[in-house]
Amino acid sequence: MPPLLKSLRPRQWLKNVLVFAGLAFSGHALDPSDVLRALAAFAAFCAASSAVYLVNDVLDRERDRLHPTKRHRPVASGAVAVPTALGAAAVLAATALAVSARLGDALFAVVSYLLLQVAYGVWLKHRVLLDVFTIAAGFTLRVLAGVWAIDAWLSPWLVAVTVEVALFLALCKRRAEVFAVTEKGGDLAQRPILRDYAGPATDMMIGVMAATTLATYALYTLLPADVLALGAAGRAAAQASRAGAPGMIFTLPFVTYGMLRYLWLLYHRHEGESPELVATRDPGMALTALGYAAVAGFVIYGG
């Protein structure tokens, strides 16, 4: 892969699939115009996230050169010059803004994401807990962009579950990073934030977020769709969206198994540094995702 393209981290674009959550759960996935708008939002976030990765690689290049694997990143290794990386980041950010400007309120989500990630790269990633909350906010903005792009009803359950899952994965990632450094005899001082996640407190926080996520998702599947909607118009939109349709309870076993499987991979196989790889390379996780998609698709679109 060419060094500049590698710096864009196309593998990480998998995270932007969250943009399609609103499209899928609102029942709009069969509307061609909404599908195109969701695809545009996905492209905007791919451009925006790649711009952020380039800027972060420039900011972290000295620290990355001391890391056993990150030193091979194109910017850290010198394969991509700093001016080239910053120029490409500017073009990608401008592209993301131009595309999202045609998607209504999705522009707000993209602008917020870019500003938040700049703050993360400069300051927030060095602050314990604020770093994982920033990561969770980035995932939530992806979901919001997808909902706003198609002008669908925004389910509070969708937002709540997204935030909780993102916090769970971010904490798992920090624990896996701590293990990876200490197992290889590395020094946590090279990345001070990891010292704050070394210890039993992180395990307790992971357990709390896992339980909270399962409880929230269970409530989503059990309560009527309009239970949190405000006003007659909001209740009508909620019911039309099929969010929380009765049959969604049958997706709960897949969510529960997926959560427990991920915890097993984290603590037994010590995976979790790259959640997107765990989700796609582990057969158990992949089959769980397919099973969930099949049941949810039948409930939302088969009725």
Protein backbone atom coordinates (compact mmCIF):
# COMPACT_ATOMS: atom_id res chain seq x y z
CA MET A 1 0.00 0.00 0.00
CA PRO A 2 1.44 3.46 -0.88
CA PRO A 3 2.65 5.26 2.27
CA LEU A 4 0.21 8.16 2.01
CA LEU A 5 -2.76 5.83 1.47
CA LYS A 6 -1.59 3.75 4.43
CA SER A 7 -1.55 6.91 6.55
CA LEU A 8 -5.25 7.38 5.81
CA ARG A 9 -5.85 4.06 7.66
CA PRO A 10 -8.63 2.76 5.40
CA ARG A 11 -9.04 -0.23 7.72
CA GLN A 12 -10.33 2.20 10.33
CA TRP A 13 -13.15 3.28 8.03
CA LEU A 14 -15.04 0.28 9.36
CA LYS A 15 -15.88 2.45 12.39
CA ASN A 16 -17.80 4.80 10.12
CA VAL A 17 -20.33 2.04 9.37
CA LEU A 18 -22.12 3.43 12.43
CA VAL A 19 -23.38 6.16 10.10
CA PHE A 20 -25.80 3.56 8.70
CA ALA A 21 -27.34 2.75 12.09
CA GLY A 22 -30.05 5.38 11.72
CA LEU A 23 -30.82 4.21 8.19
CA ALA A 24 -31.16 0.57 9.24
CA PHE A 25 -33.15 1.00 12.45
CA SER A 26 -35.48 3.67 11.09
CA GLY A 27 -36.74 1.34 8.36
CA HIS A 28 -35.44 3.66 5.60
CA ALA A 29 -32.89 1.24 4.16
CA LEU A 30 -35.19 0.46 1.21
CA ASP A 31 -35.45 4.13 0.20
CA PRO A 32 -32.85 4.77 -2.58
CA SER A 33 -32.58 8.50 -1.86
CA ASP A 34 -31.94 7.91 1.85
CA VAL A 35 -29.39 5.21 1.04
CA LEU A 36 -27.49 7.69 -1.16
CA ARG A 37 -27.55 10.34 1.56
CA ALA A 38 -26.29 7.84 4.12
CA LEU A 39 -23.50 6.80 1.75
CA ALA A 40 -22.55 10.45 1.37
CA ALA A 41 -22.41 10.83 5.15
CA PHE A 42 -20.25 7.71 5.34
CA ALA A 43 -17.86 9.15 2.74
CA ALA A 44 -17.71 12.45 4.64
CA PHE A 45 -16.74 10.69 7.85
CA CYS A 46 -14.14 8.55 6.07
CA ALA A 47 -12.52 11.75 4.76
CA ALA A 48 -12.81 13.49 8.15
CA SER A 49 -11.41 10.56 10.14
CA SER A 50 -8.48 10.13 7.73
CA ALA A 51 -7.71 13.83 8.05
CA VAL A 52 -7.64 13.40 11.84
CA TYR A 53 -5.33 10.38 11.61
CA LEU A 54 -2.86 12.36 9.49
CA VAL A 55 -2.80 15.27 11.93
CA ASN A 56 -2.41 12.93 14.91
CA ASP A 57 0.46 11.11 13.19
CA VAL A 58 2.21 14.45 12.73
CA LEU A 59 1.66 15.45 16.35
CA ASP A 60 2.75 12.04 17.69
CA ARG A 61 5.61 11.32 15.31
CA GLU A 62 8.37 11.70 17.93
CA ARG A 63 6.57 9.50 20.45
CA ASP A 64 5.68 6.95 17.76
CA ARG A 65 9.35 6.54 16.86
CA LEU A 66 9.91 5.09 20.34
CA HIS A 67 7.08 2.56 19.97
CA PRO A 68 7.92 -0.99 18.74
CA THR A 69 5.15 -1.01 16.08
CA LYS A 70 4.02 2.60 15.66
CA ARG A 71 7.52 3.59 14.55
CA HIS A 72 6.67 1.95 11.22
CA ARG A 73 3.86 4.43 10.54
CA PRO A 74 4.62 6.39 7.36
CA VAL A 75 4.92 9.79 9.06
CA ALA A 76 7.01 8.49 11.98
CA SER A 77 9.30 6.52 9.65
CA GLY A 78 9.72 9.45 7.26
CA ALA A 79 8.00 7.74 4.32
CA VAL A 80 5.48 10.61 4.28
CA ALA A 81 6.79 14.12 4.85
CA VAL A 82 5.08 16.35 7.41
CA PRO A 83 4.00 19.00 4.83
CA THR A 84 2.53 16.26 2.63
CA ALA A 85 0.57 14.81 5.54
CA LEU A 86 -0.78 18.20 6.62
CA GLY A 87 -1.68 19.14 3.04
CA ALA A 88 -3.57 15.89 2.53
CA ALA A 89 -5.34 16.39 5.87
CA ALA A 90 -6.50 19.84 4.80
CA VAL A 91 -7.87 18.52 1.49
CA LEU A 92 -9.68 15.66 3.21
CA ALA A 93 -11.18 17.92 5.88
CA ALA A 94 -12.39 20.36 3.23
CA THR A 95 -13.91 17.46 1.28
CA ALA A 96 -15.72 16.18 4.36
CA LEU A 97 -17.17 19.62 5.04
CA ALA A 98 -18.21 20.13 1.42
CA VAL A 99 -19.99 16.78 1.25
CA SER A 100 -21.73 17.11 4.62
CA ALA A 101 -22.86 20.66 3.80
CA ARG A 102 -25.35 19.07 1.39
CA LEU A 103 -26.72 16.78 4.11
CA GLY A 104 -28.49 19.22 6.41
CA ASP A 105 -27.61 18.91 10.10
CA ALA A 106 -25.02 16.23 9.32
CA LEU A 107 -22.65 19.17 8.72
CA PHE A 108 -22.88 20.00 12.42
CA ALA A 109 -21.86 16.43 13.30
CA VAL A 110 -18.83 16.51 11.00
CA VAL A 111 -17.68 19.95 12.22
CA SER A 112 -18.10 18.84 15.84
CA TYR A 113 -16.16 15.65 15.13
CA LEU A 114 -13.23 17.53 13.58
CA LEU A 115 -13.05 20.07 16.42
CA LEU A 116 -13.37 17.36 19.05
CA GLN A 117 -10.61 15.28 17.48
CA VAL A 118 -8.27 18.27 17.32
CA ALA A 119 -8.89 18.84 21.04
CA TYR A 120 -8.31 15.12 21.63
CA GLY A 121 -5.01 15.10 19.77
CA VAL A 122 -3.71 18.18 21.56
CA TRP A 123 -5.00 17.74 25.10
CA LEU A 124 -7.87 15.35 25.86
CA LYS A 125 -6.04 12.12 25.05
CA HIS A 126 -3.68 12.87 27.92
CA ARG A 127 -6.52 13.14 30.48
CA VAL A 128 -7.77 9.99 32.13
CA LEU A 129 -11.46 9.18 31.45
CA LEU A 130 -11.87 12.32 29.32
CA ASP A 131 -9.99 10.45 26.60
CA VAL A 132 -12.44 7.54 26.51
CA PHE A 133 -15.43 9.88 26.70
CA THR A 134 -14.04 11.75 23.71
CA ILE A 135 -13.77 8.48 21.79
CA ALA A 136 -17.38 7.69 22.71
CA ALA A 137 -18.47 11.15 21.54
CA GLY A 138 -16.82 10.51 18.18
CA PHE A 139 -18.86 7.33 17.69
CA THR A 140 -22.04 9.09 18.75
CA LEU A 141 -21.47 11.87 16.23
CA ARG A 142 -21.21 9.24 13.49
CA VAL A 143 -24.62 7.90 14.43
CA LEU A 144 -26.12 11.39 14.65
CA ALA A 145 -24.74 12.30 11.23
CA GLY A 146 -26.43 9.26 9.70
CA VAL A 147 -29.76 10.07 11.35
CA TRP A 148 -29.66 13.76 10.44
CA ALA A 149 -28.57 13.07 6.86
CA ILE A 150 -31.82 11.19 6.17
CA ASP A 151 -33.95 13.37 8.49
CA ALA A 152 -35.14 10.36 10.48
CA TRP A 153 -36.54 10.27 14.00
CA LEU A 154 -33.69 10.15 16.52
CA SER A 155 -34.21 7.31 18.96
CA PRO A 156 -32.82 8.10 22.44
CA TRP A 157 -32.15 4.37 22.84
CA LEU A 158 -29.86 4.44 19.80
CA VAL A 159 -27.86 7.31 21.27
CA ALA A 160 -27.65 5.76 24.73
CA VAL A 161 -26.54 2.34 23.50
CA THR A 162 -23.98 3.91 21.14
CA VAL A 163 -22.39 5.92 23.95
CA GLU A 164 -22.28 2.93 26.28
CA VAL A 165 -20.84 0.52 23.72
CA ALA A 166 -18.24 3.10 22.72
CA LEU A 167 -17.17 3.61 26.34
CA PHE A 168 -16.99 -0.15 26.83
CA LEU A 169 -14.78 -0.63 23.76
CA ALA A 170 -12.57 2.35 24.62
CA LEU A 171 -11.92 1.03 28.12
CA CYS A 172 -11.22 -2.45 26.72
CA LYS A 173 -8.78 -0.88 24.28
CA ARG A 174 -6.91 0.90 27.09
CA ARG A 175 -6.65 -2.31 29.09
CA ALA A 176 -5.35 -4.22 26.07
CA GLU A 177 -2.80 -1.49 25.41
CA VAL A 178 -1.56 -1.64 29.00
CA PHE A 179 -1.18 -5.42 28.75
CA ALA A 180 0.61 -5.20 25.38
CA VAL A 181 3.19 -2.77 26.75
CA THR A 182 3.85 -4.53 30.05
CA GLU A 183 3.88 -8.03 28.50
CA LYS A 184 6.63 -6.97 26.11
CA GLY A 185 8.66 -5.44 28.92
CA GLY A 186 7.93 -1.92 27.78
CA ASP A 187 7.77 1.21 29.89
CA LEU A 188 4.37 2.79 30.48
CA ALA A 189 6.19 6.10 31.00
CA GLN A 190 6.48 6.39 27.22
CA ARG A 191 2.71 6.87 27.19
CA PRO A 192 1.76 8.28 30.60
CA ILE A 193 -2.01 7.98 30.11
CA LEU A 194 -1.69 4.18 30.16
CA ARG A 195 -0.37 4.28 33.71
CA ASP A 196 -3.74 5.66 34.79
CA TYR A 197 -5.45 2.58 33.33
CA ALA A 198 -3.10 0.02 34.85
CA GLY A 199 -4.87 -1.68 37.75
CA PRO A 200 -8.18 -3.18 38.86
CA ALA A 201 -10.14 0.09 38.49
CA THR A 202 -10.18 -0.32 34.70
CA ASP A 203 -11.54 -3.86 35.03
CA MET A 204 -14.31 -2.57 37.28
CA MET A 205 -15.21 0.18 34.81
CA ILE A 206 -15.33 -2.34 31.96
CA GLY A 207 -17.72 -4.49 34.00
CA VAL A 208 -19.93 -1.50 34.78
CA MET A 209 -20.18 -0.47 31.12
CA ALA A 210 -20.86 -4.04 29.97
CA ALA A 211 -23.75 -4.40 32.44
CA THR A 212 -25.11 -0.92 31.64
CA THR A 213 -25.05 -1.58 27.91
CA LEU A 214 -26.92 -4.87 28.23
CA ALA A 215 -29.52 -3.30 30.54
CA THR A 216 -30.11 -0.36 28.21
CA TYR A 217 -30.42 -2.57 25.16
CA ALA A 218 -32.81 -4.90 26.99
CA LEU A 219 -35.03 -1.93 27.87
CA TYR A 220 -34.96 -0.82 24.24
CA THR A 221 -36.27 -4.20 23.12
CA LEU A 222 -38.95 -4.41 25.81
CA LEU A 223 -40.44 -0.92 26.01
CA PRO A 224 -42.75 0.62 23.38
CA ALA A 225 -41.05 2.63 20.65
CA ASP A 226 -42.66 5.92 21.68
CA VAL A 227 -41.97 5.66 25.41
CA LEU A 228 -39.32 8.40 25.26
CA ALA A 229 -40.80 10.43 22.41
CA LEU A 230 -42.05 13.94 23.13
CA GLY A 231 -45.32 15.23 21.73
CA ALA A 232 -47.82 13.66 19.35
CA ALA A 233 -45.59 14.23 16.32
CA GLY A 234 -42.65 12.61 18.10
CA ARG A 235 -44.69 9.58 19.10
CA ALA A 236 -45.98 9.16 15.55
CA ALA A 237 -42.45 9.36 14.16
CA ALA A 238 -41.22 6.84 16.72
CA GLN A 239 -43.91 4.34 15.83
CA ALA A 240 -43.29 4.79 12.10
CA SER A 241 -39.58 4.14 12.59
CA ARG A 242 -40.25 0.66 14.05
CA ALA A 243 -37.59 1.37 16.69
CA GLY A 244 -38.10 -1.01 19.57
CA ALA A 245 -40.46 -3.27 17.61
CA PRO A 246 -41.63 -6.21 19.80
CA GLY A 247 -39.60 -8.80 17.89
CA MET A 248 -36.35 -6.99 18.72
CA ILE A 249 -36.25 -8.92 21.99
CA PHE A 250 -34.98 -11.87 19.95
CA THR A 251 -31.81 -9.92 19.16
CA LEU A 252 -30.90 -9.69 22.85
CA PRO A 253 -29.18 -13.13 22.96
CA PHE A 254 -26.88 -12.05 20.11
CA VAL A 255 -25.97 -8.81 21.90
CA THR A 256 -25.36 -10.66 25.17
CA TYR A 257 -23.22 -13.33 23.53
CA GLY A 258 -21.27 -10.70 21.57
CA MET A 259 -20.51 -8.75 24.74
CA LEU A 260 -19.40 -11.85 26.65
CA ARG A 261 -17.39 -13.11 23.67
CA TYR A 262 -15.56 -9.79 23.47
CA LEU A 263 -14.74 -9.92 27.19
CA TRP A 264 -13.44 -13.47 26.77
CA LEU A 265 -11.20 -12.38 23.89
CA LEU A 266 -9.95 -9.44 25.96
CA TYR A 267 -9.10 -11.39 29.11
CA HIS A 268 -8.30 -14.84 27.69
CA ARG A 269 -6.56 -14.00 24.41
CA HIS A 270 -5.55 -10.47 25.38
CA GLU A 271 -7.04 -8.96 22.25
CA GLY A 272 -8.75 -5.60 22.07
CA GLU A 273 -6.13 -3.05 20.99
CA SER A 274 -7.94 -2.86 17.65
CA PRO A 275 -11.68 -3.44 18.19
CA GLU A 276 -12.34 -3.36 14.44
CA LEU A 277 -10.01 -6.35 13.96
CA VAL A 278 -11.62 -8.30 16.79
CA ALA A 279 -15.05 -7.69 15.28
CA THR A 280 -14.04 -8.86 11.80
CA ARG A 281 -11.38 -11.53 12.31
CA ASP A 282 -12.90 -13.55 15.16
CA PRO A 283 -15.34 -16.09 13.69
CA GLY A 284 -17.55 -16.01 16.78
CA MET A 285 -17.96 -12.23 16.62
CA ALA A 286 -18.56 -12.29 12.86
CA LEU A 287 -21.26 -14.97 13.12
CA THR A 288 -22.89 -13.13 16.00
CA ALA A 289 -23.04 -9.94 13.92
CA LEU A 290 -24.57 -11.82 10.99
CA GLY A 291 -27.15 -13.47 13.22
CA TYR A 292 -28.07 -10.15 14.78
CA ALA A 293 -28.40 -8.49 11.37
CA ALA A 294 -30.63 -11.31 10.10
CA VAL A 295 -33.02 -11.18 13.05
CA ALA A 296 -33.11 -7.37 13.24
CA GLY A 297 -33.62 -7.13 9.49
CA PHE A 298 -36.54 -9.54 9.61
CA VAL A 299 -38.18 -7.67 12.51
CA ILE A 300 -37.75 -4.21 11.02
CA TYR A 301 -38.36 -4.96 7.34
CA GLY A 302 -40.21 -8.25 7.33
CA GLY A 303 -43.26 -7.07 9.21
